[in-house]
Amino acid sequence: MRIQPTRSVEPELAARYIAEGWWAANDLLNGIEQVAAHAPDRLAVVDRWGQATYGELAAAVERMQHRLHSLGIGPGDVVGIVMPNWLQSIVLYHAALRRGAVVAPMSTRISVADLRSMATASRVSLLACPPGFDLTEAAEALVADGTIRSVLRLDPTGNYDGVVTGQAPNISVDVHAPAVVIFTSGSTAAAKGVVHSLATLGAANRSLTLRAGLDEHDVHFVVSPIAHITGVMQGLHMPFDQGSTVVLSDRWDPLDAAQKIEAFGVTFTGGAPVHLEGLMRVFSEWGRKSPLRVAVSGGAPMSPALIAQAREILGARVMRVYGSTEFPFISGTLDDDDDDVSAISDGMVTPGTEVRAAESGELLARGPALSLGYLDSQDTQDATLDGWLRTGDLAEINSGRLRIIGRQKEIAIRYGEKVSLAEVEKALVGWDGCLEHGVYVVPDAQTGERVGVAVRPTSGTQLTLAGMHTHLAGAGLATRKFPEEITEWREPLPRTDSGKLARAALAQGAEDRVLERALRLHTVRPLT
């Protein structure tokens, strides 16, 4: 059964999005080939294994299409890609789209349970995995039990075994049909698959490109995982919509990042405040400005001082953005916004996008970049209201400018990634020596938010952060979701009249009860 949209768009809205140019007739599909035809020597992609021109990239995409055809992949099939920040991830992604397949990007840091859940939910036919992937045996088990048809080894050098013969037939691709499934933990324990078309992703990328003032002369630096929405936009779509260059990094190291930014003349990047801080330290030590023009930041508050320092030290404009996997780009600050406005505002709503407040104060949004819904129609029903996305955020709206003031959903956003508090709590069940536990979230200047666990231990037990992480690993929780703080309560944890945990009280009492706190949770690590 093919993936179907679970959200419909009113015909008059669809006509408007097409008329206004947000939904183009040929989003992304010919971008690489068009640049290769007139500028084949233009640099397209740089990764830790090497680099490729547009001519080389187009040829690699063509060869991969033949390989996918030989593997029986065609329209409607789902290609799951455990996707490191590599050139070969880009090649396979674009080849699969040109075959009319749906692509399901997956993080290299997912757990066994995540892998099985994602592959099953999206009905993956072919699963591509990089060498060194920790869950190779789990992937092969999915083939053995019939969940997926086959596994493809993703070779970082592009040297695949076997000879591919025969011309892959041309496929007519509907840019409004499901094309990409991006998984997000959302506000529940199970990962949810967000379904996008090339048209919805194209609208988001077009809006961000216009707001940031980018063109084919820009060079992008991407350290965010390209399996997540920020990486999908900035690493898989925007450069090739524009015919520009993307420099990929699969680990965060400020010195390495600064060296790449300087060596390749990078003008655009995105990430959390911690990334900007690291770059500022390096360029300050070097005593020279970076080539950066625009640095996008979202998912975490920034002080006016940090924004001013980024402009002074890096020479870059800091652009605050607001969006989600479901609706990648809702608002962004303007070029002439001052530092104070940029620090407290989430920017002006993008052209073509509409926002309003529900009776509860929750922000509702709709526009050409809104996804086609979730894989599960019930998730779509729960997350929408009369065709508008229920963002789960509380916001002030003033003449088209947004300011997010709170969140209704029980999730943390750390380094721009969502962590379900309920999922962490469930994984903590059965932790030896723990009578009671509750997960909470508090602001963090570096990561955006910090995940903590309040515990009530049994008599004479000393619970530790290391012990908690060991238990969570045994429970199958992905490392990137581990809490980095533990607080101790000797009395029962605070609860509401209905018996639910009072998370706000846990967060408010955390500072005086901290047992241990990790300086920083390492959520980005290189593949070995």
Protein backbone atom coordinates (compact mmCIF):
# COMPACT_ATOMS: atom_id res chain seq x y z
CA MET A 1 0.00 0.00 0.00
CA ARG A 2 1.39 3.39 -1.01
CA ILE A 3 1.73 6.28 1.41
CA GLN A 4 -1.23 8.62 1.11
CA PRO A 5 -1.76 12.19 2.36
CA THR A 6 -3.80 12.33 5.56
CA ARG A 7 -4.48 16.07 5.25
CA SER A 8 -6.28 17.66 2.32
CA VAL A 9 -5.79 21.21 1.04
CA GLU A 10 -8.81 23.25 0.01
CA PRO A 11 -8.85 23.70 -3.80
CA GLU A 12 -8.88 27.49 -3.57
CA LEU A 13 -5.84 27.46 -1.29
CA ALA A 14 -3.97 25.07 -3.58
CA ALA A 15 -4.76 27.28 -6.57
CA ARG A 16 -3.49 30.31 -4.69
CA TYR A 17 -0.22 28.60 -3.69
CA ILE A 18 0.38 27.67 -7.33
CA ALA A 19 -0.56 31.12 -8.63
CA GLU A 20 1.74 32.84 -6.14
CA GLY A 21 4.65 30.58 -7.14
CA TRP A 22 5.04 28.70 -3.85
CA TRP A 23 4.18 25.38 -5.45
CA ALA A 24 6.32 25.18 -8.56
CA ALA A 25 5.61 22.57 -11.23
CA ASN A 26 9.11 21.08 -11.12
CA ASP A 27 10.35 21.55 -7.57
CA LEU A 28 13.92 20.27 -7.12
CA LEU A 29 13.76 17.40 -9.58
CA ASN A 30 15.89 18.89 -12.36
CA GLY A 31 18.01 21.32 -10.36
CA ILE A 32 21.18 19.23 -10.29
CA GLU A 33 20.96 18.31 -13.97
CA GLN A 34 20.28 21.88 -15.08
CA VAL A 35 23.37 23.22 -13.31
CA ALA A 36 25.43 20.29 -14.60
CA ALA A 37 24.39 21.18 -18.14
CA HIS A 38 25.68 24.76 -18.08
CA ALA A 39 28.21 24.76 -15.21
CA PRO A 40 29.46 21.16 -14.77
CA ASP A 41 32.64 22.22 -12.97
CA ARG A 42 30.80 24.20 -10.27
CA LEU A 43 31.47 22.72 -6.83
CA ALA A 44 28.33 20.99 -5.51
CA VAL A 45 29.14 19.00 -2.37
CA VAL A 46 32.03 18.68 0.09
CA ASP A 47 32.10 16.00 2.80
CA ARG A 48 34.82 14.36 4.88
CA TRP A 49 35.46 11.85 2.09
CA GLY A 50 36.02 14.35 -0.70
CA GLN A 51 34.04 16.62 -2.98
CA ALA A 52 32.02 16.55 -6.19
CA THR A 53 31.19 19.03 -8.93
CA TYR A 54 27.69 19.36 -10.34
CA GLY A 55 28.74 17.31 -13.33
CA GLU A 56 30.00 14.52 -11.08
CA LEU A 57 26.94 14.73 -8.82
CA ALA A 58 24.53 14.49 -11.77
CA ALA A 59 26.38 11.45 -13.10
CA ALA A 60 26.34 9.78 -9.66
CA VAL A 61 22.59 10.41 -9.29
CA GLU A 62 22.02 8.91 -12.74
CA ARG A 63 24.05 5.78 -11.87
CA MET A 64 22.15 5.38 -8.59
CA GLN A 65 18.84 5.61 -10.45
CA HIS A 66 19.96 2.65 -12.58
CA ARG A 67 20.94 0.74 -9.44
CA LEU A 68 17.58 1.42 -7.78
CA HIS A 69 15.79 0.34 -10.97
CA SER A 70 17.77 -2.91 -10.95
CA LEU A 71 16.67 -3.43 -7.32
CA GLY A 72 13.05 -3.05 -8.31
CA ILE A 73 12.51 0.39 -6.79
CA GLY A 74 9.90 2.47 -8.56
CA PRO A 75 6.97 4.83 -7.97
CA GLY A 76 5.41 4.50 -4.53
CA ASP A 77 8.17 2.35 -3.03
CA VAL A 78 9.71 3.65 0.18
CA VAL A 79 13.49 3.95 0.46
CA GLY A 80 14.68 4.28 4.05
CA ILE A 81 18.11 5.87 4.41
CA VAL A 82 20.08 5.78 7.64
CA MET A 83 21.63 9.03 6.63
CA PRO A 84 25.04 10.38 7.69
CA ASN A 85 26.09 13.81 6.45
CA TRP A 86 27.76 12.39 3.34
CA LEU A 87 27.71 13.05 -0.38
CA GLN A 88 26.42 9.50 -0.95
CA SER A 89 23.36 10.25 1.21
CA ILE A 90 22.57 13.14 -1.14
CA VAL A 91 23.10 10.94 -4.22
CA LEU A 92 20.74 8.22 -2.98
CA TYR A 93 18.13 10.74 -1.77
CA HIS A 94 17.90 12.50 -5.12
CA ALA A 95 18.05 9.29 -7.14
CA ALA A 96 15.17 7.78 -5.15
CA LEU A 97 13.04 10.89 -5.66
CA ARG A 98 13.67 10.75 -9.41
CA ARG A 99 12.52 7.12 -9.40
CA GLY A 100 9.20 8.32 -7.96
CA ALA A 101 9.96 6.67 -4.62
CA VAL A 102 9.22 8.09 -1.18
CA VAL A 103 12.33 8.70 0.93
CA ALA A 104 12.37 8.13 4.70
CA PRO A 105 15.56 9.69 6.17
CA MET A 106 16.65 8.22 9.51
CA SER A 107 19.24 9.40 11.99
CA THR A 108 22.45 7.43 12.48
CA ARG A 109 21.73 7.59 16.24
CA ILE A 110 18.41 5.75 16.31
CA SER A 111 17.85 2.75 18.54
CA VAL A 112 16.79 -0.76 17.52
CA ALA A 113 13.23 0.05 18.56
CA ASP A 114 13.29 3.30 16.56
CA LEU A 115 14.58 1.50 13.45
CA ARG A 116 11.90 -1.17 13.56
CA SER A 117 9.15 1.34 14.33
CA MET A 118 10.15 3.70 11.51
CA ALA A 119 10.66 0.96 8.93
CA THR A 120 7.32 -0.62 9.80
CA ALA A 121 5.33 2.63 9.95
CA SER A 122 6.62 3.88 6.58
CA ARG A 123 6.51 0.42 4.94
CA VAL A 124 10.12 0.59 3.80
CA SER A 125 11.05 -1.55 0.78
CA LEU A 126 14.79 -0.82 0.65
CA LEU A 127 16.84 0.24 3.66
CA ALA A 128 20.25 1.87 3.03
CA CYS A 129 22.77 1.79 5.89
CA PRO A 130 26.30 3.24 6.16
CA PRO A 131 29.28 1.09 7.17
CA GLY A 132 29.92 1.16 10.89
CA PHE A 133 26.22 1.56 11.61
CA ASP A 134 25.53 0.08 15.04
CA LEU A 135 22.25 -1.52 14.00
CA THR A 136 23.33 -3.47 10.92
CA GLU A 137 22.22 -6.76 12.46
CA ALA A 138 18.85 -5.25 13.32
CA ALA A 139 18.47 -4.09 9.72
CA GLU A 140 19.23 -7.59 8.44
CA ALA A 141 16.69 -9.00 10.90
CA LEU A 142 14.05 -6.77 9.32
CA VAL A 143 14.78 -8.45 5.99
CA ALA A 144 14.66 -11.90 7.56
CA ASP A 145 11.22 -11.34 9.08
CA GLY A 146 9.83 -9.75 5.92
CA THR A 147 9.43 -6.21 7.24
CA ILE A 148 11.64 -4.86 4.42
CA ARG A 149 12.75 -6.39 1.11
CA SER A 150 16.48 -5.64 1.09
CA VAL A 151 19.38 -3.69 2.56
CA LEU A 152 21.81 -1.54 0.55
CA ARG A 153 25.24 -0.74 1.94
CA LEU A 154 25.81 3.00 1.59
CA ASP A 155 29.43 3.34 0.42
CA PRO A 156 30.98 6.71 1.34
CA THR A 157 33.25 6.57 -1.72
CA GLY A 158 30.50 5.64 -4.18
CA ASN A 159 32.23 2.38 -5.17
CA TYR A 160 29.37 -0.13 -5.10
CA ASP A 161 29.73 -3.82 -5.87
CA GLY A 162 28.23 -5.19 -9.05
CA VAL A 163 27.68 -3.80 -12.51
CA VAL A 164 24.43 -1.97 -13.16
CA THR A 165 23.22 -2.34 -16.71
CA GLY A 166 20.14 -1.13 -18.53
CA GLN A 167 18.61 2.31 -18.80
CA ALA A 168 16.30 3.30 -15.96
CA PRO A 169 13.02 4.45 -17.54
CA ASN A 170 12.00 8.06 -17.09
CA ILE A 171 9.43 8.55 -14.35
CA SER A 172 6.79 11.27 -14.29
CA VAL A 173 6.87 12.55 -10.71
CA ASP A 174 3.92 14.35 -9.12
CA VAL A 175 5.42 17.12 -6.97
CA HIS A 176 2.22 17.25 -4.90
CA ALA A 177 2.31 13.57 -3.95
CA PRO A 178 4.03 12.19 -0.81
CA ALA A 179 7.79 12.28 -1.37
CA VAL A 180 9.57 12.45 2.00
CA VAL A 181 8.72 11.06 5.45
CA ILE A 182 10.58 12.83 8.25
CA PHE A 183 10.32 11.31 11.70
CA THR A 184 9.77 13.41 14.80
CA SER A 185 9.21 12.27 18.36
CA GLY A 186 6.48 14.88 18.79
CA SER A 187 4.66 14.93 22.13
CA THR A 188 4.13 11.19 22.48
CA ALA A 189 6.46 8.27 23.08
CA ALA A 190 6.31 6.84 19.56
CA ALA A 191 8.11 8.51 16.65
CA LYS A 192 5.65 10.02 14.17
CA GLY A 193 6.24 10.17 10.43
CA VAL A 194 5.57 13.59 8.92
CA VAL A 195 4.72 13.35 5.22
CA HIS A 196 5.95 16.10 2.88
CA SER A 197 5.69 16.56 -0.87
CA LEU A 198 8.31 18.19 -3.05
CA ALA A 199 5.91 21.12 -3.27
CA THR A 200 5.63 21.66 0.50
CA LEU A 201 9.38 21.34 1.06
CA GLY A 202 10.01 23.55 -1.96
CA ALA A 203 7.77 26.25 -0.50
CA ALA A 204 9.64 26.15 2.81
CA ASN A 205 13.02 26.35 1.10
CA ARG A 206 11.89 29.12 -1.21
CA SER A 207 10.65 31.17 1.75
CA LEU A 208 13.87 30.72 3.73
CA THR A 209 16.00 31.48 0.68
CA LEU A 210 14.13 34.75 0.09
CA ARG A 211 14.20 35.77 3.75
CA ALA A 212 17.94 35.04 4.04
CA GLY A 213 18.77 36.64 0.66
CA LEU A 214 20.56 33.60 -0.77
CA ASP A 215 21.45 32.75 -4.37
CA GLU A 216 23.69 30.42 -6.41
CA HIS A 217 26.84 32.21 -5.26
CA ASP A 218 26.33 31.22 -1.60
CA VAL A 219 28.11 28.35 0.11
CA HIS A 220 26.22 26.44 2.82
CA PHE A 221 27.74 24.74 5.87
CA VAL A 222 25.57 22.01 7.42
CA VAL A 223 26.38 20.24 10.67
CA SER A 224 22.76 19.46 11.63
CA PRO A 225 21.88 15.83 10.81
CA ILE A 226 20.45 15.77 7.29
CA ALA A 227 17.90 13.21 8.43
CA HIS A 228 16.19 15.94 10.48
CA ILE A 229 14.13 18.77 9.08
CA THR A 230 16.85 21.46 9.36
CA GLY A 231 19.33 19.22 7.56
CA VAL A 232 16.76 18.15 4.97
CA MET A 233 16.14 21.79 4.11
CA GLN A 234 19.66 23.15 4.29
CA GLY A 235 21.61 20.08 3.17
CA LEU A 236 19.35 18.24 0.73
CA HIS A 237 17.14 20.86 -0.89
CA MET A 238 18.20 24.51 -0.67
CA PRO A 239 21.65 24.22 -2.30
CA PHE A 240 20.27 22.27 -5.26
CA ASP A 241 17.23 24.51 -5.69
CA GLN A 242 19.74 27.36 -6.08
CA GLY A 243 22.65 25.61 -7.77
CA SER A 244 24.98 26.54 -4.91
CA THR A 245 27.55 24.62 -2.85
CA VAL A 246 27.04 22.70 0.40
CA VAL A 247 29.81 21.71 2.82
CA LEU A 248 28.74 18.83 5.08
CA SER A 249 30.14 17.93 8.49
CA ASP A 250 29.10 14.81 10.42
CA ARG A 251 30.46 15.98 13.77
CA TRP A 252 30.49 19.21 15.70
CA ASP A 253 33.96 20.56 16.36
CA PRO A 254 34.28 24.38 16.41
CA LEU A 255 37.86 24.44 15.10
CA ASP A 256 37.10 21.99 12.29
CA ALA A 257 33.93 23.92 11.41
CA ALA A 258 35.76 27.26 11.34
CA GLN A 259 38.51 25.83 9.16
CA LYS A 260 35.95 24.53 6.65
CA ILE A 261 33.99 27.78 6.70
CA GLU A 262 37.13 29.75 5.92
CA ALA A 263 38.59 27.29 3.41
CA PHE A 264 35.44 27.08 1.28
CA GLY A 265 34.21 30.64 1.77
CA VAL A 266 31.00 29.57 3.54
CA THR A 267 28.40 32.34 3.59
CA PHE A 268 25.38 30.61 5.17
CA THR A 269 24.89 28.22 8.08
CA GLY A 270 22.30 27.26 10.66
CA GLY A 271 22.29 25.73 14.12
CA ALA A 272 21.79 26.26 17.83
CA PRO A 273 23.39 29.13 19.81
CA VAL A 274 26.12 26.74 20.98
CA HIS A 275 27.32 26.45 17.38
CA LEU A 276 27.58 30.22 17.01
CA GLU A 277 29.40 30.49 20.34
CA GLY A 278 31.95 27.90 19.26
CA LEU A 279 32.60 29.65 15.96
CA MET A 280 32.94 33.00 17.69
CA ARG A 281 35.59 31.62 20.05
CA VAL A 282 37.69 30.31 17.17
CA PHE A 283 37.44 33.40 14.95
CA SER A 284 38.06 35.65 17.95
CA GLU A 285 41.25 33.72 18.69
CA TRP A 286 42.26 34.03 15.04
CA GLY A 287 41.62 37.77 15.14
CA ARG A 288 39.70 37.88 11.87
CA LYS A 289 36.11 37.75 10.68
CA SER A 290 34.50 34.78 8.97
CA PRO A 291 33.14 34.84 5.41
CA LEU A 292 29.65 34.18 6.82
CA ARG A 293 26.85 36.55 5.79
CA VAL A 294 23.85 34.85 7.43
CA ALA A 295 23.60 32.46 10.39
CA VAL A 296 20.17 30.98 11.10
CA SER A 297 19.25 30.02 14.66
CA GLY A 298 16.07 28.58 16.09
CA GLY A 299 14.74 26.44 18.90
CA ALA A 300 16.61 28.26 21.67
CA PRO A 301 16.63 31.79 23.10
CA MET A 302 19.47 34.16 22.26
CA SER A 303 20.54 37.28 24.11
CA PRO A 304 20.98 40.64 22.35
CA ALA A 305 24.64 40.50 23.40
CA LEU A 306 25.18 37.16 21.63
CA ILE A 307 23.53 38.46 18.45
CA ALA A 308 25.67 41.60 18.53
CA GLN A 309 28.83 39.58 19.14
CA ALA A 310 28.04 37.28 16.22
CA ARG A 311 27.74 40.28 13.93
CA GLU A 312 30.90 41.89 15.31
CA ILE A 313 33.13 38.81 15.53
CA LEU A 314 31.79 36.68 12.66
CA GLY A 315 30.60 39.50 10.47
CA ALA A 316 27.28 37.65 10.04
CA ARG A 317 23.64 38.58 10.35
CA VAL A 318 21.86 36.33 12.86
CA MET A 319 18.43 35.34 11.61
CA ARG A 320 16.05 33.94 14.22
CA VAL A 321 13.57 31.43 12.76
CA TYR A 322 10.54 29.52 13.97
CA GLY A 323 9.15 26.33 12.49
CA SER A 324 8.79 22.59 12.98
CA THR A 325 9.06 19.32 11.09
CA GLU A 326 5.40 19.66 10.22
CA PHE A 327 5.78 23.28 9.05
CA PRO A 328 9.49 23.94 8.47
CA PHE A 329 9.52 27.73 8.16
CA ILE A 330 6.73 29.80 9.69
CA SER A 331 8.55 33.01 10.58
CA GLY A 332 11.97 34.65 10.63
CA THR A 333 13.52 37.95 11.67
CA LEU A 334 14.20 40.62 9.07
CA ASP A 335 17.48 42.08 7.88
CA ASP A 336 16.79 45.45 9.52
CA ASP A 337 15.60 44.08 12.91
CA ASP A 338 17.84 45.37 15.69
CA ASP A 339 19.51 43.09 18.25
CA ASP A 340 16.85 43.58 20.94
CA VAL A 341 14.01 42.73 18.53
CA SER A 342 15.89 39.71 17.18
CA ALA A 343 16.47 38.41 20.70
CA ILE A 344 12.84 38.48 21.85
CA SER A 345 11.04 37.98 18.53
CA ASP A 346 10.55 34.88 16.45
CA GLY A 347 10.26 37.07 13.38
CA MET A 348 7.72 38.07 10.78
CA VAL A 349 5.42 35.44 9.36
CA THR A 350 6.64 34.34 5.94
CA PRO A 351 4.73 35.39 2.80
CA GLY A 352 1.99 32.91 1.94
CA THR A 353 1.71 31.73 5.55
CA GLU A 354 -1.27 32.52 7.77
CA VAL A 355 -1.35 32.41 11.58
CA ARG A 356 -4.03 32.92 14.20
CA ALA A 357 -4.65 32.08 17.84
CA ALA A 358 -7.14 29.47 19.02
CA GLU A 359 -9.40 30.18 21.98
CA SER A 360 -6.86 28.49 24.23
CA GLY A 361 -4.12 30.84 22.96
CA GLU A 362 -2.44 28.08 20.97
CA LEU A 363 -0.82 29.24 17.74
CA LEU A 364 -2.46 27.87 14.58
CA ALA A 365 -0.74 28.08 11.19
CA ARG A 366 -1.37 27.11 7.59
CA GLY A 367 0.42 27.77 4.32
CA PRO A 368 2.14 26.19 1.32
CA ALA A 369 4.92 24.68 3.47
CA LEU A 370 2.54 22.78 5.78
CA SER A 371 3.04 19.02 5.46
CA LEU A 372 0.51 16.54 4.06
CA GLY A 373 -0.07 15.19 7.56
CA TYR A 374 1.31 12.22 9.47
CA LEU A 375 1.50 8.58 8.43
CA ASP A 376 -1.19 7.89 11.02
CA SER A 377 -4.42 9.70 10.18
CA GLN A 378 -5.33 9.89 13.87
CA ASP A 379 -2.13 11.84 14.54
CA THR A 380 -3.13 14.23 11.75
CA GLN A 381 -6.61 14.65 13.18
CA ASP A 382 -5.19 15.39 16.62
CA ALA A 383 -2.66 17.91 15.29
CA THR A 384 -4.93 19.95 13.01
CA LEU A 385 -8.02 22.12 13.34
CA ASP A 386 -10.03 22.82 10.20
CA GLY A 387 -6.91 22.53 8.04
CA TRP A 388 -4.68 24.57 10.39
CA LEU A 389 -1.69 23.07 12.23
CA ARG A 390 -2.00 23.11 15.99
CA THR A 391 1.58 24.05 16.83
CA GLY A 392 1.30 23.32 20.54
CA ASP A 393 2.90 26.70 21.21
CA LEU A 394 1.46 29.78 22.84
CA ALA A 395 2.31 32.96 20.96
CA GLU A 396 1.78 36.69 20.82
CA ILE A 397 0.88 37.91 17.33
CA ASN A 398 1.44 41.59 16.58
CA SER A 399 0.99 42.84 13.00
CA GLY A 400 2.38 39.63 11.54
CA ARG A 401 5.26 39.32 14.03
CA LEU A 402 5.45 36.29 16.32
CA ARG A 403 6.75 35.86 19.83
CA ILE A 404 6.54 32.35 21.23
CA ILE A 405 5.81 32.59 24.96
CA GLY A 406 5.29 28.97 25.97
CA ARG A 407 4.50 25.44 24.88
CA GLN A 408 1.58 23.16 25.57
CA LYS A 409 3.20 19.91 24.51
CA GLU A 410 5.25 17.87 26.93
CA ILE A 411 8.45 17.82 24.93
CA ALA A 412 11.91 19.31 25.22
CA ILE A 413 13.72 20.87 22.27
CA ARG A 414 17.45 20.35 22.68
CA TYR A 415 19.87 21.34 19.91
CA GLY A 416 16.73 21.74 17.81
CA GLU A 417 15.74 18.07 18.33
CA LYS A 418 12.55 17.04 20.09
CA VAL A 419 12.72 14.73 23.10
CA SER A 420 9.48 13.22 24.40
CA LEU A 421 9.31 13.43 28.20
CA ALA A 422 6.82 10.57 28.23
CA GLU A 423 9.21 8.32 26.28
CA VAL A 424 12.05 8.98 28.73
CA GLU A 425 9.76 8.34 31.70
CA LYS A 426 8.59 5.05 30.24
CA ALA A 427 12.19 3.92 29.69
CA LEU A 428 13.04 4.70 33.33
CA VAL A 429 10.43 2.28 34.67
CA GLY A 430 12.12 -0.49 36.65
CA TRP A 431 15.30 1.43 37.49
CA ASP A 432 16.75 -0.30 40.54
CA GLY A 433 16.69 1.81 43.69
CA CYS A 434 14.21 4.35 42.33
CA LEU A 435 10.82 4.51 44.05
CA GLU A 436 9.46 7.31 41.91
CA HIS A 437 10.67 9.40 39.02
CA GLY A 438 9.52 12.29 36.86
CA VAL A 439 11.02 13.99 33.82
CA TYR A 440 11.07 17.77 33.47
CA VAL A 441 12.63 20.39 31.22
CA VAL A 442 14.41 23.65 32.08
CA PRO A 443 15.98 26.35 29.86
CA ASP A 444 19.64 25.96 28.91
CA ALA A 445 21.69 28.72 27.30
CA GLN A 446 23.73 26.29 25.20
CA THR A 447 21.30 23.57 24.14
CA GLY A 448 18.01 25.48 24.26
CA GLU A 449 16.52 23.21 26.89
CA ARG A 450 17.89 20.71 29.39
CA VAL A 451 16.18 17.42 30.26
CA GLY A 452 16.23 16.45 33.91
CA VAL A 453 14.95 13.56 35.99
CA ALA A 454 13.61 14.01 39.51
CA VAL A 455 14.02 10.81 41.53
CA ARG A 456 12.91 9.53 44.94
CA PRO A 457 15.37 6.77 45.85
CA THR A 458 14.87 3.84 48.17
CA SER A 459 16.41 4.14 51.61
CA GLY A 460 20.20 4.04 51.52
CA THR A 461 20.40 4.16 47.71
CA GLN A 462 22.57 6.68 45.87
CA LEU A 463 21.32 7.15 42.32
CA THR A 464 23.76 8.50 39.73
CA LEU A 465 23.68 9.97 36.24
CA ALA A 466 25.88 7.16 34.94
CA GLY A 467 23.61 4.54 36.47
CA MET A 468 20.58 6.19 34.91
CA HIS A 469 22.21 6.25 31.47
CA THR A 470 23.14 2.57 31.82
CA HIS A 471 19.53 1.70 32.63
CA LEU A 472 18.21 3.79 29.71
CA ALA A 473 20.63 2.15 27.30
CA GLY A 474 19.42 -1.26 28.47
CA ALA A 475 15.83 -0.12 27.94
CA GLY A 476 16.65 0.73 24.30
CA LEU A 477 16.36 4.51 24.54
CA ALA A 478 18.42 6.35 21.91
CA THR A 479 21.48 8.07 23.40
CA ARG A 480 20.46 11.46 22.00
CA LYS A 481 17.38 11.37 24.28
CA PHE A 482 19.29 10.77 27.54
CA PRO A 483 18.68 13.36 30.31
CA GLU A 484 21.71 15.36 31.43
CA GLU A 485 20.54 16.24 34.94
CA ILE A 486 19.35 14.29 37.98
CA THR A 487 17.70 15.79 41.08
CA GLU A 488 16.79 14.04 44.32
CA TRP A 489 13.51 14.26 46.22
CA ARG A 490 13.25 12.54 49.63
CA GLU A 491 9.52 13.24 49.80
CA PRO A 492 6.90 12.12 47.23
CA LEU A 493 7.10 13.97 43.93
CA PRO A 494 4.56 16.80 43.55
CA ARG A 495 1.40 15.89 41.69
CA THR A 496 -1.82 17.55 40.57
CA ASP A 497 -5.22 16.78 42.10
CA SER A 498 -5.79 14.22 39.33
CA GLY A 499 -2.54 12.42 40.20
CA LYS A 500 -0.49 13.64 37.25
CA LEU A 501 3.10 14.76 37.79
CA ALA A 502 3.42 18.50 38.34
CA ARG A 503 6.30 19.03 35.93
CA ALA A 504 6.42 22.76 36.55
CA ALA A 505 7.03 22.11 40.26
CA LEU A 506 9.78 19.61 39.39
CA ALA A 507 11.50 22.20 37.22
CA GLN A 508 11.10 24.98 39.79
CA GLY A 509 12.59 22.86 42.57
CA ALA A 510 15.41 21.45 40.45
CA GLU A 511 18.20 23.96 41.11
CA ASP A 512 18.30 23.29 44.85
CA ARG A 513 18.17 19.51 44.46
CA VAL A 514 20.73 18.77 41.74
CA LEU A 515 22.76 15.64 42.38
CA GLU A 516 24.66 15.62 39.08
CA ARG A 517 24.61 17.58 35.85
CA ALA A 518 26.50 16.82 32.66
CA LEU A 519 28.22 19.88 31.21
CA ARG A 520 26.84 19.05 27.79
CA LEU A 521 25.12 16.07 26.29
CA HIS A 522 27.05 15.01 23.20
CA THR A 523 24.29 14.49 20.65
CA VAL A 524 26.53 14.65 17.59
CA ARG A 525 29.23 12.03 17.09
CA PRO A 526 31.13 10.87 14.02
CA LEU A 527 30.62 7.45 12.51
CA THR A 528 33.55 5.09 12.92
